[in-house]
């Protein structure tokens, strides 16, 4: 499991003052559309693991993110029979964790000047994850120092997993540090 949801290289890591954990602030490209949201897909494309998974940011709005991946035989967990090999559960968990982080960052006034760290990641696998996968994350609460999301992952056979995440939020100064939703 990934200890922190970082949006840049580890060289930019700093120690969080309250916990001693390492967090990373984002090096996010300039905003390129009328919505005011940074271009998150370019981050995904430059991130080794997420790029290898070919994660797509399908939508991002305040408090909600939708990410997707196409099925690839390299992602399969060879436990099935007769050619029926579901996607490895770790990839499902990655989608839950990453979609959650994007949804929470979308609530920050300055997503590039703040950080977050996964403190709890719970995944309930409902059925084998097959085919293309889509993760829909929604913020349950984004407070001053912590945030919670709920996520649904669907595949070819329907809902494959649900997840709930908790994050420690490291908000930048200004309006973000005054509170949350």
N, C-alpha and C. Protein backbone atom coordinates (compact mmCIF):
# COMPACT_ATOMS: atom_id res chain seq x y z
N UNK A 1 0.85 -1.18 0.00
CA UNK A 1 0.00 0.00 0.00
C UNK A 1 0.89 1.23 0.00
N UNK A 2 0.46 2.23 -0.68
CA UNK A 2 1.20 3.48 -0.80
C UNK A 2 1.01 4.28 0.48
N UNK A 3 2.12 4.72 1.11
CA UNK A 3 2.02 5.46 2.35
C UNK A 3 1.56 6.89 2.16
N UNK A 4 1.92 7.50 1.04
CA UNK A 4 1.47 8.86 0.82
C UNK A 4 1.05 9.02 -0.61
N UNK A 5 0.10 9.87 -0.79
CA UNK A 5 -0.39 10.15 -2.14
C UNK A 5 0.36 11.38 -2.59
N UNK A 6 1.48 11.20 -3.28
CA UNK A 6 2.28 12.33 -3.66
C UNK A 6 2.08 12.66 -5.12
N UNK A 7 2.29 13.92 -5.41
CA UNK A 7 2.10 14.40 -6.77
C UNK A 7 3.38 14.95 -7.35
N UNK A 8 4.51 14.48 -6.88
CA UNK A 8 5.79 14.92 -7.41
C UNK A 8 6.84 13.92 -7.00
N UNK A 9 8.08 14.17 -7.32
CA UNK A 9 9.17 13.28 -6.98
C UNK A 9 9.45 13.31 -5.48
N UNK A 10 10.03 12.23 -4.97
CA UNK A 10 10.34 12.13 -3.55
C UNK A 10 11.35 13.20 -3.11
N UNK A 11 12.11 13.77 -4.02
CA UNK A 11 13.06 14.83 -3.68
C UNK A 11 12.38 16.03 -3.05
N UNK A 12 11.10 16.22 -3.31
CA UNK A 12 10.37 17.36 -2.79
C UNK A 12 9.71 17.06 -1.44
N UNK A 13 10.00 15.91 -0.85
CA UNK A 13 9.35 15.49 0.39
C UNK A 13 9.79 16.38 1.55
N UNK A 14 8.87 16.59 2.48
CA UNK A 14 9.14 17.32 3.70
C UNK A 14 8.51 16.57 4.85
N UNK A 15 9.05 16.76 6.05
CA UNK A 15 8.45 16.12 7.22
C UNK A 15 7.26 16.95 7.67
N UNK A 16 6.15 16.27 7.92
CA UNK A 16 4.97 16.95 8.43
C UNK A 16 5.23 17.30 9.89
N UNK A 17 5.00 18.53 10.30
CA UNK A 17 5.38 18.96 11.63
C UNK A 17 4.68 18.21 12.75
N UNK A 18 3.43 17.83 12.60
CA UNK A 18 2.69 17.23 13.69
C UNK A 18 2.91 15.73 13.81
N UNK A 19 3.25 15.04 12.73
CA UNK A 19 3.30 13.59 12.76
C UNK A 19 4.66 13.00 12.51
N UNK A 20 5.58 13.77 11.92
CA UNK A 20 6.87 13.23 11.56
C UNK A 20 6.83 12.38 10.31
N UNK A 21 5.63 12.18 9.74
CA UNK A 21 5.51 11.41 8.50
C UNK A 21 6.01 12.25 7.34
N UNK A 22 6.35 11.58 6.26
CA UNK A 22 6.76 12.30 5.07
C UNK A 22 5.56 12.56 4.20
N UNK A 23 5.45 13.77 3.72
CA UNK A 23 4.41 14.12 2.78
C UNK A 23 5.05 14.87 1.64
N UNK A 24 4.35 14.99 0.56
CA UNK A 24 4.90 15.65 -0.61
C UNK A 24 3.90 16.66 -1.11
N UNK A 25 4.38 17.83 -1.43
CA UNK A 25 3.50 18.82 -2.03
C UNK A 25 3.51 18.64 -3.53
N UNK A 26 2.45 19.03 -4.15
CA UNK A 26 2.29 18.79 -5.58
C UNK A 26 3.04 19.81 -6.42
N UNK A 27 3.57 19.34 -7.52
CA UNK A 27 4.13 20.21 -8.54
C UNK A 27 3.18 20.08 -9.72
N UNK A 28 2.08 20.82 -9.64
CA UNK A 28 0.98 20.66 -10.58
C UNK A 28 1.13 21.63 -11.73
N UNK A 29 0.88 21.18 -12.95
CA UNK A 29 0.94 22.08 -14.09
C UNK A 29 -0.06 23.23 -13.96
N UNK A 30 0.18 24.28 -14.70
CA UNK A 30 -0.73 25.42 -14.70
C UNK A 30 -2.12 24.99 -15.14
N UNK A 31 -3.11 25.73 -14.65
CA UNK A 31 -4.49 25.51 -15.06
C UNK A 31 -4.61 25.76 -16.55
N UNK A 32 -5.33 24.88 -17.24
CA UNK A 32 -5.42 25.04 -18.69
C UNK A 32 -6.85 25.05 -19.21
N UNK A 33 -7.83 25.22 -18.33
CA UNK A 33 -9.20 25.28 -18.81
C UNK A 33 -10.01 26.28 -17.98
N UNK A 34 -11.22 26.50 -18.40
CA UNK A 34 -12.07 27.52 -17.77
C UNK A 34 -12.56 27.10 -16.39
N UNK A 35 -12.46 25.81 -16.03
CA UNK A 35 -12.95 25.37 -14.73
C UNK A 35 -12.05 25.80 -13.59
N UNK A 36 -10.80 26.13 -13.89
CA UNK A 36 -9.86 26.51 -12.85
C UNK A 36 -9.13 25.34 -12.24
N UNK A 37 -9.42 24.11 -12.70
CA UNK A 37 -8.73 22.93 -12.15
C UNK A 37 -7.44 22.68 -12.91
N UNK A 38 -6.39 22.27 -12.18
CA UNK A 38 -5.14 21.93 -12.85
C UNK A 38 -5.32 20.70 -13.74
N UNK A 39 -4.42 20.51 -14.64
CA UNK A 39 -4.46 19.37 -15.56
C UNK A 39 -3.86 18.15 -14.86
N UNK A 40 -4.71 17.35 -14.21
CA UNK A 40 -4.25 16.19 -13.45
C UNK A 40 -3.77 15.06 -14.35
N UNK A 41 -4.30 14.96 -15.56
CA UNK A 41 -3.88 13.86 -16.43
C UNK A 41 -2.38 13.92 -16.72
N UNK A 42 -1.82 15.11 -16.82
CA UNK A 42 -0.39 15.20 -17.09
C UNK A 42 0.42 14.67 -15.91
N UNK A 43 -0.10 14.83 -14.68
CA UNK A 43 0.56 14.22 -13.52
C UNK A 43 0.54 12.70 -13.65
N UNK A 44 -0.63 12.15 -13.95
CA UNK A 44 -0.75 10.70 -14.09
C UNK A 44 0.22 10.18 -15.15
N UNK A 45 0.27 10.87 -16.28
CA UNK A 45 1.13 10.44 -17.38
C UNK A 45 2.60 10.49 -17.02
N UNK A 46 2.99 11.35 -16.07
CA UNK A 46 4.39 11.45 -15.70
C UNK A 46 4.74 10.60 -14.48
N UNK A 47 3.77 9.96 -13.87
CA UNK A 47 3.97 9.13 -12.68
C UNK A 47 4.23 7.69 -13.14
N UNK A 48 5.34 7.11 -12.77
CA UNK A 48 5.73 5.79 -13.25
C UNK A 48 4.65 4.72 -13.15
N UNK A 49 4.18 4.45 -11.94
CA UNK A 49 3.22 3.37 -11.74
C UNK A 49 1.86 3.69 -12.37
N UNK A 50 1.36 4.90 -12.14
CA UNK A 50 0.05 5.26 -12.70
C UNK A 50 0.11 5.32 -14.22
N UNK A 51 1.25 5.74 -14.76
CA UNK A 51 1.44 5.76 -16.21
C UNK A 51 1.45 4.33 -16.76
N UNK A 52 2.13 3.41 -16.06
CA UNK A 52 2.16 2.00 -16.49
C UNK A 52 0.75 1.41 -16.50
N UNK A 53 -0.06 1.79 -15.52
CA UNK A 53 -1.45 1.33 -15.48
C UNK A 53 -2.30 2.02 -16.54
N UNK A 54 -1.80 3.10 -17.10
CA UNK A 54 -2.51 3.92 -18.08
C UNK A 54 -3.83 4.46 -17.50
N UNK A 55 -3.73 5.00 -16.28
CA UNK A 55 -4.89 5.58 -15.61
C UNK A 55 -5.35 6.81 -16.37
N UNK A 56 -6.66 6.92 -16.53
CA UNK A 56 -7.26 8.10 -17.16
C UNK A 56 -8.10 8.86 -16.13
N UNK A 57 -7.94 10.16 -16.12
CA UNK A 57 -8.79 11.02 -15.30
C UNK A 57 -10.00 11.35 -16.17
N UNK A 58 -11.14 10.71 -15.88
CA UNK A 58 -12.33 10.93 -16.70
C UNK A 58 -13.08 12.19 -16.30
N UNK A 59 -13.11 12.48 -15.01
CA UNK A 59 -13.73 13.74 -14.59
C UNK A 59 -13.19 14.12 -13.22
N UNK A 60 -13.17 15.42 -12.99
CA UNK A 60 -12.72 15.96 -11.72
C UNK A 60 -13.52 17.23 -11.46
N UNK A 61 -14.24 17.22 -10.36
CA UNK A 61 -14.97 18.41 -9.94
C UNK A 61 -14.84 18.47 -8.43
N UNK A 62 -15.22 19.56 -7.84
CA UNK A 62 -15.02 19.69 -6.40
C UNK A 62 -15.69 18.55 -5.64
N UNK A 63 -14.86 17.80 -4.90
CA UNK A 63 -15.35 16.72 -4.06
C UNK A 63 -15.62 15.41 -4.78
N UNK A 64 -15.26 15.32 -6.05
CA UNK A 64 -15.56 14.09 -6.81
C UNK A 64 -14.51 13.88 -7.89
N UNK A 65 -14.08 12.64 -8.05
CA UNK A 65 -13.13 12.29 -9.11
C UNK A 65 -13.51 10.93 -9.69
N UNK A 66 -13.35 10.79 -10.99
CA UNK A 66 -13.60 9.52 -11.67
C UNK A 66 -12.33 9.18 -12.46
N UNK A 67 -11.75 8.02 -12.14
CA UNK A 67 -10.57 7.52 -12.83
C UNK A 67 -10.90 6.18 -13.46
N UNK A 68 -10.19 5.81 -14.52
CA UNK A 68 -10.46 4.55 -15.20
C UNK A 68 -9.16 3.95 -15.74
N UNK A 69 -9.18 2.62 -15.90
CA UNK A 69 -8.11 1.92 -16.60
C UNK A 69 -8.74 0.90 -17.53
N UNK A 70 -8.06 0.64 -18.62
CA UNK A 70 -8.49 -0.41 -19.54
C UNK A 70 -7.87 -1.73 -19.10
N UNK A 71 -8.60 -2.81 -19.34
CA UNK A 71 -8.10 -4.13 -19.01
C UNK A 71 -6.80 -4.40 -19.76
N UNK A 72 -5.87 -5.05 -19.09
CA UNK A 72 -4.61 -5.48 -19.69
C UNK A 72 -4.25 -6.81 -19.05
N UNK A 73 -3.81 -7.76 -19.85
CA UNK A 73 -3.47 -9.08 -19.32
C UNK A 73 -2.38 -9.00 -18.25
N UNK A 74 -1.52 -7.98 -18.33
CA UNK A 74 -0.46 -7.82 -17.32
C UNK A 74 -1.03 -7.52 -15.94
N UNK A 75 -2.27 -7.05 -15.86
CA UNK A 75 -2.89 -6.70 -14.59
C UNK A 75 -3.58 -7.89 -13.93
N UNK A 76 -3.68 -9.00 -14.64
CA UNK A 76 -4.47 -10.13 -14.15
C UNK A 76 -3.77 -10.88 -13.03
N UNK A 77 -4.57 -11.38 -12.12
CA UNK A 77 -4.12 -12.25 -11.05
C UNK A 77 -4.41 -13.67 -11.51
N UNK A 78 -3.39 -14.49 -11.75
CA UNK A 78 -3.62 -15.81 -12.36
C UNK A 78 -4.21 -16.83 -11.39
N UNK A 79 -5.41 -16.55 -10.91
CA UNK A 79 -6.07 -17.47 -9.98
C UNK A 79 -7.31 -18.10 -10.58
N UNK A 80 -7.73 -17.61 -11.73
CA UNK A 80 -8.95 -18.10 -12.35
C UNK A 80 -8.70 -19.39 -13.11
N UNK A 81 -9.73 -19.84 -13.79
CA UNK A 81 -9.62 -21.03 -14.62
C UNK A 81 -10.26 -20.75 -15.96
N UNK A 82 -9.90 -21.54 -16.95
CA UNK A 82 -10.46 -21.39 -18.29
C UNK A 82 -10.29 -19.98 -18.85
N UNK A 83 -9.12 -19.38 -18.59
CA UNK A 83 -8.85 -18.06 -19.13
C UNK A 83 -9.55 -16.93 -18.40
N UNK A 84 -10.19 -17.21 -17.26
CA UNK A 84 -10.89 -16.18 -16.50
C UNK A 84 -9.99 -15.74 -15.36
N UNK A 85 -9.21 -14.71 -15.59
CA UNK A 85 -8.30 -14.20 -14.58
C UNK A 85 -8.67 -12.76 -14.24
N UNK A 86 -9.17 -12.53 -13.03
CA UNK A 86 -9.56 -11.17 -12.65
C UNK A 86 -8.34 -10.27 -12.46
N UNK A 87 -8.58 -8.98 -12.48
CA UNK A 87 -7.52 -8.01 -12.25
C UNK A 87 -7.08 -8.09 -10.79
N UNK A 88 -5.79 -7.98 -10.58
CA UNK A 88 -5.20 -8.08 -9.25
C UNK A 88 -5.82 -7.05 -8.30
N UNK A 89 -6.12 -7.49 -7.09
CA UNK A 89 -6.75 -6.61 -6.11
C UNK A 89 -5.93 -5.39 -5.75
N UNK A 90 -4.62 -5.48 -5.86
CA UNK A 90 -3.77 -4.32 -5.58
C UNK A 90 -4.01 -3.19 -6.56
N UNK A 91 -4.33 -3.53 -7.78
CA UNK A 91 -4.63 -2.50 -8.78
C UNK A 91 -5.97 -1.83 -8.45
N UNK A 92 -6.92 -2.62 -8.01
CA UNK A 92 -8.21 -2.07 -7.57
C UNK A 92 -7.97 -1.11 -6.40
N UNK A 93 -7.15 -1.52 -5.44
CA UNK A 93 -6.84 -0.66 -4.29
C UNK A 93 -6.13 0.62 -4.72
N UNK A 94 -5.24 0.52 -5.70
CA UNK A 94 -4.56 1.71 -6.23
C UNK A 94 -5.57 2.69 -6.81
N UNK A 95 -6.54 2.18 -7.57
CA UNK A 95 -7.56 3.07 -8.13
C UNK A 95 -8.35 3.76 -7.02
N UNK A 96 -8.69 3.02 -5.97
CA UNK A 96 -9.43 3.60 -4.85
C UNK A 96 -8.61 4.69 -4.18
N UNK A 97 -7.35 4.41 -3.89
CA UNK A 97 -6.48 5.36 -3.22
C UNK A 97 -6.24 6.61 -4.07
N UNK A 98 -5.97 6.42 -5.35
CA UNK A 98 -5.66 7.55 -6.22
C UNK A 98 -6.89 8.41 -6.50
N UNK A 99 -8.03 7.78 -6.78
CA UNK A 99 -9.26 8.54 -7.01
C UNK A 99 -9.64 9.33 -5.76
N UNK A 100 -9.44 8.73 -4.59
CA UNK A 100 -9.73 9.42 -3.33
C UNK A 100 -8.85 10.65 -3.16
N UNK A 101 -7.57 10.49 -3.43
CA UNK A 101 -6.64 11.62 -3.29
C UNK A 101 -7.01 12.76 -4.22
N UNK A 102 -7.37 12.43 -5.46
CA UNK A 102 -7.76 13.47 -6.41
C UNK A 102 -9.04 14.17 -5.95
N UNK A 103 -10.01 13.40 -5.46
CA UNK A 103 -11.26 14.00 -4.99
C UNK A 103 -11.00 14.95 -3.83
N UNK A 104 -10.15 14.53 -2.89
CA UNK A 104 -9.84 15.40 -1.76
C UNK A 104 -9.06 16.63 -2.19
N UNK A 105 -8.07 16.47 -3.04
CA UNK A 105 -7.30 17.63 -3.52
C UNK A 105 -8.20 18.64 -4.22
N UNK A 106 -9.26 18.16 -4.84
CA UNK A 106 -10.16 19.08 -5.55
C UNK A 106 -10.89 20.02 -4.59
N UNK A 107 -10.88 19.72 -3.29
CA UNK A 107 -11.53 20.59 -2.31
C UNK A 107 -10.59 21.66 -1.77
N UNK A 108 -9.30 21.58 -2.08
CA UNK A 108 -8.33 22.56 -1.60
C UNK A 108 -8.41 23.83 -2.44
N UNK A 109 -8.26 24.97 -1.79
CA UNK A 109 -8.16 26.22 -2.54
C UNK A 109 -6.91 26.22 -3.40
N UNK A 110 -5.84 25.61 -2.90
CA UNK A 110 -4.57 25.53 -3.63
C UNK A 110 -4.09 24.09 -3.63
N UNK A 111 -4.59 23.25 -4.57
CA UNK A 111 -4.20 21.84 -4.57
C UNK A 111 -2.71 21.62 -4.75
N UNK A 112 -2.02 22.55 -5.40
CA UNK A 112 -0.60 22.36 -5.65
C UNK A 112 0.26 22.76 -4.46
N UNK A 113 -0.30 23.49 -3.51
CA UNK A 113 0.48 23.94 -2.37
C UNK A 113 0.20 23.17 -1.10
N UNK A 114 -0.49 22.07 -1.20
CA UNK A 114 -0.87 21.29 -0.03
C UNK A 114 -0.52 19.82 -0.27
N UNK A 115 -0.58 19.04 0.78
CA UNK A 115 -0.28 17.62 0.64
C UNK A 115 -1.29 16.78 1.40
N UNK A 116 -1.21 15.48 1.21
CA UNK A 116 -2.07 14.57 1.95
C UNK A 116 -1.38 13.21 2.04
N UNK A 117 -1.74 12.48 3.08
CA UNK A 117 -1.16 11.16 3.32
C UNK A 117 -2.28 10.20 3.67
N UNK A 118 -2.29 9.04 3.03
CA UNK A 118 -3.28 8.01 3.34
C UNK A 118 -3.01 7.50 4.75
N UNK A 119 -4.03 7.55 5.62
CA UNK A 119 -3.89 6.98 6.96
C UNK A 119 -4.71 5.70 7.12
N UNK A 120 -5.72 5.52 6.28
CA UNK A 120 -6.51 4.30 6.32
C UNK A 120 -7.09 4.06 4.93
N UNK A 121 -6.94 2.84 4.46
CA UNK A 121 -7.49 2.44 3.16
C UNK A 121 -8.20 1.12 3.37
N UNK A 122 -9.52 1.13 3.23
CA UNK A 122 -10.32 -0.08 3.40
C UNK A 122 -10.94 -0.44 2.06
N UNK A 123 -10.75 -1.69 1.66
CA UNK A 123 -11.31 -2.17 0.40
C UNK A 123 -12.16 -3.40 0.69
N UNK A 124 -13.40 -3.39 0.23
CA UNK A 124 -14.25 -4.58 0.29
C UNK A 124 -14.44 -5.06 -1.14
N UNK A 125 -13.89 -6.24 -1.42
CA UNK A 125 -14.00 -6.82 -2.75
C UNK A 125 -15.32 -7.56 -2.84
N UNK A 126 -16.16 -7.18 -3.79
CA UNK A 126 -17.50 -7.73 -3.90
C UNK A 126 -17.58 -8.88 -4.90
N UNK A 127 -16.78 -8.80 -5.95
CA UNK A 127 -16.72 -9.84 -6.98
C UNK A 127 -15.41 -9.65 -7.73
N UNK A 128 -15.00 -10.63 -8.52
CA UNK A 128 -13.77 -10.45 -9.31
C UNK A 128 -13.87 -9.21 -10.21
N UNK A 129 -12.80 -8.45 -10.24
CA UNK A 129 -12.74 -7.25 -11.09
C UNK A 129 -12.30 -7.69 -12.48
N UNK A 130 -13.19 -7.56 -13.44
CA UNK A 130 -12.89 -7.99 -14.80
C UNK A 130 -13.13 -6.84 -15.78
N UNK A 131 -12.46 -6.91 -16.90
CA UNK A 131 -12.64 -5.90 -17.95
C UNK A 131 -12.06 -4.55 -17.56
N UNK A 132 -12.52 -3.51 -18.22
CA UNK A 132 -12.09 -2.15 -17.92
C UNK A 132 -12.66 -1.76 -16.55
N UNK A 133 -11.88 -0.99 -15.78
CA UNK A 133 -12.32 -0.59 -14.45
C UNK A 133 -12.51 0.92 -14.37
N UNK A 134 -13.50 1.31 -13.56
CA UNK A 134 -13.80 2.72 -13.36
C UNK A 134 -14.02 2.95 -11.87
N UNK A 135 -13.29 3.91 -11.31
CA UNK A 135 -13.41 4.25 -9.89
C UNK A 135 -14.04 5.62 -9.75
N UNK A 136 -15.12 5.69 -8.97
CA UNK A 136 -15.80 6.96 -8.69
C UNK A 136 -15.64 7.26 -7.21
N UNK A 137 -14.91 8.34 -6.91
CA UNK A 137 -14.65 8.73 -5.53
C UNK A 137 -15.43 9.98 -5.19
N UNK A 138 -15.99 9.99 -3.99
CA UNK A 138 -16.73 11.15 -3.51
C UNK A 138 -16.25 11.48 -2.10
N UNK A 139 -16.03 12.75 -1.85
CA UNK A 139 -15.60 13.19 -0.53
C UNK A 139 -16.79 13.13 0.42
N UNK A 140 -16.60 12.45 1.54
CA UNK A 140 -17.60 12.41 2.61
C UNK A 140 -17.40 13.63 3.51
N UNK A 141 -16.13 13.90 3.81
CA UNK A 141 -15.79 15.07 4.62
C UNK A 141 -14.36 15.48 4.33
N UNK A 142 -14.15 16.77 4.17
CA UNK A 142 -12.81 17.33 4.02
C UNK A 142 -12.67 18.42 5.06
N UNK A 143 -12.10 18.07 6.19
CA UNK A 143 -11.93 19.03 7.28
C UNK A 143 -10.60 19.75 7.19
N UNK A 144 -10.22 20.37 8.30
CA UNK A 144 -8.97 21.13 8.33
C UNK A 144 -7.76 20.21 8.25
N UNK A 145 -7.81 19.06 8.95
CA UNK A 145 -6.63 18.19 9.00
C UNK A 145 -6.89 16.76 8.55
N UNK A 146 -8.15 16.40 8.31
CA UNK A 146 -8.42 15.04 7.85
C UNK A 146 -9.55 15.04 6.84
N UNK A 147 -9.53 14.02 6.01
CA UNK A 147 -10.56 13.87 4.99
C UNK A 147 -10.95 12.42 4.83
N UNK A 148 -12.20 12.19 4.46
CA UNK A 148 -12.73 10.84 4.27
C UNK A 148 -13.43 10.79 2.92
N UNK A 149 -13.22 9.68 2.21
CA UNK A 149 -13.90 9.48 0.93
C UNK A 149 -14.56 8.12 0.91
N UNK A 150 -15.50 7.97 -0.01
CA UNK A 150 -16.06 6.65 -0.33
C UNK A 150 -15.92 6.48 -1.84
N UNK A 151 -15.65 5.23 -2.24
CA UNK A 151 -15.33 4.95 -3.64
C UNK A 151 -16.04 3.68 -4.08
N UNK A 152 -16.46 3.67 -5.33
CA UNK A 152 -17.02 2.48 -5.96
C UNK A 152 -16.19 2.18 -7.21
N UNK A 153 -15.81 0.91 -7.36
CA UNK A 153 -15.07 0.47 -8.55
C UNK A 153 -15.95 -0.51 -9.31
N UNK A 154 -16.22 -0.21 -10.57
CA UNK A 154 -17.02 -1.10 -11.40
C UNK A 154 -16.17 -1.66 -12.53
N UNK A 155 -16.52 -2.87 -12.93
CA UNK A 155 -15.86 -3.55 -14.03
C UNK A 155 -16.90 -4.13 -14.97
N UNK A 156 -16.47 -5.06 -15.80
CA UNK A 156 -17.36 -5.64 -16.81
C UNK A 156 -18.56 -6.35 -16.20
N UNK A 157 -18.40 -6.91 -14.99
CA UNK A 157 -19.48 -7.66 -14.36
C UNK A 157 -20.24 -6.86 -13.30
N UNK A 158 -20.04 -5.56 -13.26
CA UNK A 158 -20.73 -4.72 -12.28
C UNK A 158 -19.78 -4.23 -11.21
N UNK A 159 -20.36 -3.81 -10.09
CA UNK A 159 -19.55 -3.27 -9.00
C UNK A 159 -18.64 -4.36 -8.45
N UNK A 160 -17.33 -4.12 -8.52
CA UNK A 160 -16.34 -5.11 -8.10
C UNK A 160 -15.83 -4.86 -6.69
N UNK A 161 -15.80 -3.60 -6.27
CA UNK A 161 -15.28 -3.26 -4.95
C UNK A 161 -15.81 -1.91 -4.51
N UNK A 162 -15.84 -1.75 -3.20
CA UNK A 162 -16.12 -0.45 -2.61
C UNK A 162 -14.99 -0.15 -1.63
N UNK A 163 -14.72 1.11 -1.46
CA UNK A 163 -13.64 1.48 -0.56
C UNK A 163 -13.98 2.72 0.23
N UNK A 164 -13.27 2.86 1.32
CA UNK A 164 -13.39 4.05 2.16
C UNK A 164 -11.97 4.41 2.57
N UNK A 165 -11.63 5.67 2.43
CA UNK A 165 -10.28 6.10 2.77
C UNK A 165 -10.33 7.25 3.77
N UNK A 166 -9.28 7.33 4.55
CA UNK A 166 -9.07 8.46 5.44
C UNK A 166 -7.68 9.01 5.15
N UNK A 167 -7.57 10.32 5.11
CA UNK A 167 -6.30 10.98 4.82
C UNK A 167 -6.01 12.03 5.88
N UNK A 168 -4.74 12.21 6.14
CA UNK A 168 -4.26 13.37 6.91
C UNK A 168 -4.00 14.44 5.87
N UNK A 169 -4.63 15.60 6.05
CA UNK A 169 -4.50 16.70 5.10
C UNK A 169 -3.50 17.73 5.63
N UNK A 170 -2.64 18.19 4.75
CA UNK A 170 -1.67 19.23 5.06
C UNK A 170 -1.99 20.41 4.15
N UNK A 171 -2.92 21.22 4.59
CA UNK A 171 -3.40 22.33 3.77
C UNK A 171 -2.40 23.48 3.78
N UNK A 172 -2.38 24.21 2.69
CA UNK A 172 -1.53 25.40 2.61
C UNK A 172 -2.20 26.52 3.40
N UNK A 173 -1.50 27.62 3.60
CA UNK A 173 -2.04 28.76 4.34
C UNK A 173 -3.20 29.39 3.62
N UNK A 174 -3.77 30.39 4.21
CA UNK A 174 -4.88 31.10 3.58
C UNK A 174 -6.21 30.47 3.94
N UNK A 175 -7.16 30.58 3.03
CA UNK A 175 -8.54 30.12 3.27
C UNK A 175 -8.60 28.63 3.55
N UNK A 176 -7.72 27.84 2.93
CA UNK A 176 -7.74 26.39 3.15
C UNK A 176 -7.50 26.03 4.60
N UNK A 177 -6.64 26.77 5.30
CA UNK A 177 -6.30 26.40 6.66
C UNK A 177 -7.37 26.80 7.67
N UNK A 178 -8.39 27.52 7.23
CA UNK A 178 -9.44 27.97 8.14
C UNK A 178 -10.51 26.93 8.40
N UNK A 179 -10.52 25.85 7.66
CA UNK A 179 -11.55 24.84 7.88
C UNK A 179 -11.87 24.12 6.60
N UNK A 180 -12.85 23.28 6.67
CA UNK A 180 -13.21 22.48 5.50
C UNK A 180 -14.70 22.41 5.34
N UNK A 181 -15.11 21.38 4.65
CA UNK A 181 -16.52 21.17 4.39
C UNK A 181 -17.19 20.49 5.54
